[in-house]
Amino acid sequence: MQELKDLTEDILKKSSQLAQRYVDSVQENFSLKSKNKELRHKVEILEEKVRKQSEEIVRLQLATVWEEGEKKTGMKLKLNELVREIDRCLRLLEE
């Protein structure tokens, strides 16, 4: 009879432990889901930031190309002007 009582107490103790482990795992699951949601939100924010920075890099690269193109155009115009000036000087010298 004592053996049956001990066995019952052991089953009750293990059931209590199992129930507590279940409660703990539910709480941990909730905590992990919450953390997962926070991390996903951070990832979304960082992805948006990366996207914006990539767009800014492209804009800066295009601006640099544009400026270089304008500089080249300005330099060509200046060179053409100098060549015309030299031609005028040569004509004057020939006269």
N, C-alpha and C. Protein backbone atom coordinates (compact mmCIF):
# COMPACT_ATOMS: atom_id res chain seq x y z
N MET A 1 0.82 -1.19 0.00
CA MET A 1 0.00 0.00 0.00
C MET A 1 0.87 1.26 0.00
N GLN A 2 1.93 1.24 0.80
CA GLN A 2 2.86 2.36 0.87
C GLN A 2 3.50 2.59 -0.49
N GLU A 3 3.76 1.46 -1.15
CA GLU A 3 4.37 1.55 -2.46
C GLU A 3 3.45 2.26 -3.44
N LEU A 4 2.19 2.01 -3.39
CA LEU A 4 1.20 2.66 -4.25
C LEU A 4 1.10 4.15 -3.92
N LYS A 5 1.16 4.45 -2.63
CA LYS A 5 1.13 5.86 -2.19
C LYS A 5 2.37 6.59 -2.69
N ASP A 6 3.53 5.96 -2.56
CA ASP A 6 4.77 6.58 -3.05
C ASP A 6 4.73 6.80 -4.56
N LEU A 7 4.19 5.81 -5.25
CA LEU A 7 4.09 5.90 -6.70
C LEU A 7 3.14 7.04 -7.10
N THR A 8 2.04 7.19 -6.38
CA THR A 8 1.08 8.26 -6.65
C THR A 8 1.71 9.62 -6.39
N GLU A 9 2.43 9.72 -5.27
CA GLU A 9 3.10 10.98 -4.95
C GLU A 9 4.15 11.32 -6.01
N ASP A 10 4.86 10.32 -6.47
CA ASP A 10 5.87 10.52 -7.51
C ASP A 10 5.21 11.00 -8.80
N ILE A 11 4.07 10.39 -9.14
CA ILE A 11 3.35 10.80 -10.36
C ILE A 11 2.85 12.24 -10.21
N LEU A 12 2.32 12.58 -9.04
CA LEU A 12 1.83 13.94 -8.80
C LEU A 12 2.98 14.95 -8.87
N LYS A 13 4.12 14.58 -8.29
CA LYS A 13 5.29 15.46 -8.30
C LYS A 13 5.77 15.68 -9.73
N LYS A 14 5.87 14.59 -10.50
CA LYS A 14 6.32 14.70 -11.89
C LYS A 14 5.30 15.46 -12.73
N SER A 15 4.02 15.28 -12.46
CA SER A 15 2.97 16.01 -13.18
C SER A 15 3.08 17.50 -12.90
N SER A 16 3.35 17.82 -11.63
CA SER A 16 3.51 19.22 -11.23
C SER A 16 4.73 19.83 -11.93
N GLN A 17 5.82 19.07 -11.95
CA GLN A 17 7.02 19.55 -12.63
C GLN A 17 6.77 19.74 -14.13
N LEU A 18 6.06 18.79 -14.71
CA LEU A 18 5.74 18.87 -16.14
C LEU A 18 4.86 20.08 -16.42
N ALA A 19 3.89 20.33 -15.57
CA ALA A 19 3.01 21.50 -15.73
C ALA A 19 3.82 22.78 -15.62
N GLN A 20 4.75 22.82 -14.66
CA GLN A 20 5.58 24.01 -14.49
C GLN A 20 6.49 24.21 -15.70
N ARG A 21 7.04 23.11 -16.20
CA ARG A 21 7.88 23.21 -17.40
C ARG A 21 7.06 23.71 -18.60
N TYR A 22 5.80 23.27 -18.67
CA TYR A 22 4.93 23.72 -19.75
C TYR A 22 4.69 25.24 -19.63
N VAL A 23 4.39 25.70 -18.42
CA VAL A 23 4.16 27.13 -18.19
C VAL A 23 5.43 27.92 -18.55
N ASP A 24 6.57 27.40 -18.11
CA ASP A 24 7.84 28.07 -18.42
C ASP A 24 8.08 28.13 -19.93
N SER A 25 7.79 27.03 -20.62
CA SER A 25 8.02 27.00 -22.06
C SER A 25 7.04 27.93 -22.79
N VAL A 26 5.82 28.06 -22.30
CA VAL A 26 4.86 28.99 -22.91
C VAL A 26 5.35 30.43 -22.72
N GLN A 27 5.84 30.74 -21.52
CA GLN A 27 6.37 32.08 -21.27
C GLN A 27 7.61 32.35 -22.14
N GLU A 28 8.48 31.37 -22.23
CA GLU A 28 9.66 31.53 -23.06
C GLU A 28 9.27 31.71 -24.53
N ASN A 29 8.29 30.95 -24.98
CA ASN A 29 7.81 31.07 -26.36
C ASN A 29 7.26 32.47 -26.62
N PHE A 30 6.49 32.98 -25.68
CA PHE A 30 5.94 34.33 -25.82
C PHE A 30 7.07 35.36 -25.88
N SER A 31 8.04 35.19 -24.99
CA SER A 31 9.18 36.10 -24.96
C SER A 31 9.97 36.04 -26.27
N LEU A 32 10.20 34.84 -26.79
CA LEU A 32 10.94 34.69 -28.03
C LEU A 32 10.18 35.26 -29.22
N LYS A 33 8.86 35.07 -29.22
CA LYS A 33 8.05 35.66 -30.30
C LYS A 33 8.12 37.18 -30.26
N SER A 34 8.08 37.73 -29.06
CA SER A 34 8.18 39.18 -28.91
C SER A 34 9.54 39.68 -29.40
N LYS A 35 10.59 38.99 -28.99
CA LYS A 35 11.94 39.36 -29.41
C LYS A 35 12.08 39.23 -30.93
N ASN A 36 11.52 38.16 -31.48
CA ASN A 36 11.55 37.94 -32.92
C ASN A 36 10.85 39.08 -33.65
N LYS A 37 9.73 39.53 -33.13
CA LYS A 37 8.99 40.63 -33.75
C LYS A 37 9.83 41.91 -33.71
N GLU A 38 10.48 42.17 -32.58
CA GLU A 38 11.34 43.36 -32.46
C GLU A 38 12.49 43.29 -33.47
N LEU A 39 13.11 42.12 -33.58
CA LEU A 39 14.24 41.97 -34.49
C LEU A 39 13.81 42.11 -35.95
N ARG A 40 12.65 41.58 -36.28
CA ARG A 40 12.13 41.74 -37.65
C ARG A 40 11.89 43.22 -37.96
N HIS A 41 11.38 43.93 -36.96
CA HIS A 41 11.15 45.37 -37.14
C HIS A 41 12.48 46.09 -37.36
N LYS A 42 13.49 45.74 -36.57
CA LYS A 42 14.82 46.34 -36.74
C LYS A 42 15.38 46.03 -38.13
N VAL A 43 15.18 44.79 -38.58
CA VAL A 43 15.66 44.40 -39.90
C VAL A 43 14.98 45.25 -40.98
N GLU A 44 13.67 45.45 -40.85
CA GLU A 44 12.94 46.27 -41.81
C GLU A 44 13.49 47.70 -41.83
N ILE A 45 13.74 48.25 -40.64
CA ILE A 45 14.28 49.61 -40.55
C ILE A 45 15.65 49.67 -41.20
N LEU A 46 16.50 48.70 -40.90
CA LEU A 46 17.85 48.69 -41.47
C LEU A 46 17.83 48.46 -42.98
N GLU A 47 16.92 47.61 -43.45
CA GLU A 47 16.80 47.41 -44.90
C GLU A 47 16.38 48.70 -45.58
N GLU A 48 15.46 49.42 -44.97
CA GLU A 48 15.02 50.71 -45.53
C GLU A 48 16.18 51.70 -45.54
N LYS A 49 16.96 51.71 -44.46
CA LYS A 49 18.11 52.60 -44.37
C LYS A 49 19.14 52.26 -45.46
N VAL A 50 19.39 50.97 -45.64
CA VAL A 50 20.33 50.54 -46.68
C VAL A 50 19.82 50.95 -48.06
N ARG A 51 18.52 50.79 -48.30
CA ARG A 51 17.94 51.16 -49.58
C ARG A 51 18.12 52.66 -49.84
N LYS A 52 17.83 53.47 -48.81
CA LYS A 52 17.98 54.92 -48.96
C LYS A 52 19.43 55.30 -49.20
N GLN A 53 20.35 54.67 -48.47
CA GLN A 53 21.77 54.98 -48.64
C GLN A 53 22.26 54.54 -50.02
N SER A 54 21.75 53.42 -50.52
CA SER A 54 22.12 52.97 -51.86
C SER A 54 21.64 53.97 -52.90
N GLU A 55 20.42 54.47 -52.72
CA GLU A 55 19.90 55.48 -53.63
C GLU A 55 20.74 56.75 -53.56
N GLU A 56 21.16 57.13 -52.37
CA GLU A 56 21.99 58.32 -52.20
C GLU A 56 23.35 58.13 -52.88
N ILE A 57 23.91 56.94 -52.76
CA ILE A 57 25.19 56.65 -53.43
C ILE A 57 25.04 56.80 -54.94
N VAL A 58 23.95 56.26 -55.48
CA VAL A 58 23.72 56.37 -56.92
C VAL A 58 23.57 57.84 -57.31
N ARG A 59 22.82 58.61 -56.51
CA ARG A 59 22.66 60.03 -56.80
C ARG A 59 24.00 60.75 -56.78
N LEU A 60 24.84 60.45 -55.78
CA LEU A 60 26.15 61.09 -55.69
C LEU A 60 27.04 60.70 -56.87
N GLN A 61 26.96 59.43 -57.25
CA GLN A 61 27.76 58.99 -58.40
C GLN A 61 27.30 59.70 -59.67
N LEU A 62 26.00 59.83 -59.85
CA LEU A 62 25.48 60.53 -61.03
C LEU A 62 25.88 62.00 -60.99
N ALA A 63 25.82 62.60 -59.82
CA ALA A 63 26.21 64.01 -59.69
C ALA A 63 27.68 64.18 -60.04
N THR A 64 28.52 63.26 -59.60
CA THR A 64 29.95 63.32 -59.91
C THR A 64 30.17 63.20 -61.41
N VAL A 65 29.49 62.25 -62.03
CA VAL A 65 29.61 62.08 -63.48
C VAL A 65 29.15 63.35 -64.19
N TRP A 66 28.04 63.91 -63.72
CA TRP A 66 27.50 65.14 -64.32
C TRP A 66 28.50 66.29 -64.20
N GLU A 67 29.08 66.45 -62.99
CA GLU A 67 30.06 67.52 -62.77
C GLU A 67 31.28 67.32 -63.66
N GLU A 68 31.75 66.08 -63.74
CA GLU A 68 32.91 65.81 -64.59
C GLU A 68 32.59 66.12 -66.05
N GLY A 69 31.36 65.78 -66.47
CA GLY A 69 30.94 66.07 -67.83
C GLY A 69 30.89 67.57 -68.07
N GLU A 70 30.38 68.32 -67.09
CA GLU A 70 30.32 69.78 -67.22
C GLU A 70 31.73 70.36 -67.26
N LYS A 71 32.63 69.82 -66.43
CA LYS A 71 34.01 70.29 -66.43
C LYS A 71 34.65 70.04 -67.79
N LYS A 72 34.42 68.85 -68.34
CA LYS A 72 34.99 68.53 -69.64
C LYS A 72 34.43 69.46 -70.71
N THR A 73 33.12 69.70 -70.66
CA THR A 73 32.50 70.59 -71.63
C THR A 73 33.06 72.00 -71.49
N GLY A 74 33.19 72.45 -70.24
CA GLY A 74 33.75 73.78 -69.99
C GLY A 74 35.19 73.87 -70.48
N MET A 75 35.95 72.82 -70.26
CA MET A 75 37.34 72.81 -70.69
C MET A 75 37.42 72.81 -72.22
N LYS A 76 36.54 72.05 -72.89
CA LYS A 76 36.53 72.04 -74.35
C LYS A 76 36.20 73.42 -74.89
N LEU A 77 35.20 74.06 -74.27
CA LEU A 77 34.83 75.41 -74.72
C LEU A 77 35.99 76.38 -74.54
N LYS A 78 36.66 76.28 -73.41
CA LYS A 78 37.79 77.16 -73.13
C LYS A 78 38.93 76.90 -74.13
N LEU A 79 39.21 75.62 -74.40
CA LEU A 79 40.26 75.28 -75.37
C LEU A 79 39.90 75.81 -76.76
N ASN A 80 38.64 75.64 -77.16
CA ASN A 80 38.20 76.16 -78.46
C ASN A 80 38.39 77.67 -78.53
N GLU A 81 38.06 78.33 -77.43
CA GLU A 81 38.22 79.79 -77.38
C GLU A 81 39.70 80.17 -77.52
N LEU A 82 40.56 79.45 -76.82
CA LEU A 82 42.00 79.72 -76.91
C LEU A 82 42.54 79.46 -78.32
N VAL A 83 42.08 78.37 -78.95
CA VAL A 83 42.52 78.06 -80.31
C VAL A 83 42.09 79.18 -81.27
N ARG A 84 40.87 79.66 -81.12
CA ARG A 84 40.40 80.77 -81.96
C ARG A 84 41.25 82.02 -81.72
N GLU A 85 41.59 82.26 -80.45
CA GLU A 85 42.43 83.42 -80.12
C GLU A 85 43.80 83.29 -80.76
N ILE A 86 44.38 82.08 -80.72
CA ILE A 86 45.68 81.84 -81.33
C ILE A 86 45.58 82.04 -82.85
N ASP A 87 44.50 81.52 -83.43
CA ASP A 87 44.30 81.70 -84.88
C ASP A 87 44.22 83.18 -85.24
N ARG A 88 43.52 83.97 -84.44
CA ARG A 88 43.43 85.41 -84.68
C ARG A 88 44.81 86.07 -84.61
N CYS A 89 45.57 85.64 -83.60
CA CYS A 89 46.91 86.19 -83.43
C CYS A 89 47.79 85.84 -84.64
N LEU A 90 47.69 84.61 -85.11
CA LEU A 90 48.48 84.18 -86.27
C LEU A 90 48.09 84.98 -87.53
N ARG A 91 46.80 85.21 -87.72
CA ARG A 91 46.34 86.03 -88.85
C ARG A 91 46.88 87.44 -88.77
N LEU A 92 46.87 87.98 -87.55
CA LEU A 92 47.39 89.34 -87.37
C LEU A 92 48.89 89.38 -87.68
N LEU A 93 49.60 88.33 -87.29
CA LEU A 93 51.03 88.28 -87.56
C LEU A 93 51.32 88.13 -89.07
N GLU A 94 50.46 87.44 -89.75
CA GLU A 94 50.65 87.25 -91.18
C GLU A 94 50.41 88.53 -91.96
N GLU A 95 49.62 89.42 -91.43
CA GLU A 95 49.32 90.68 -92.14
C GLU A 95 50.42 91.63 -92.10
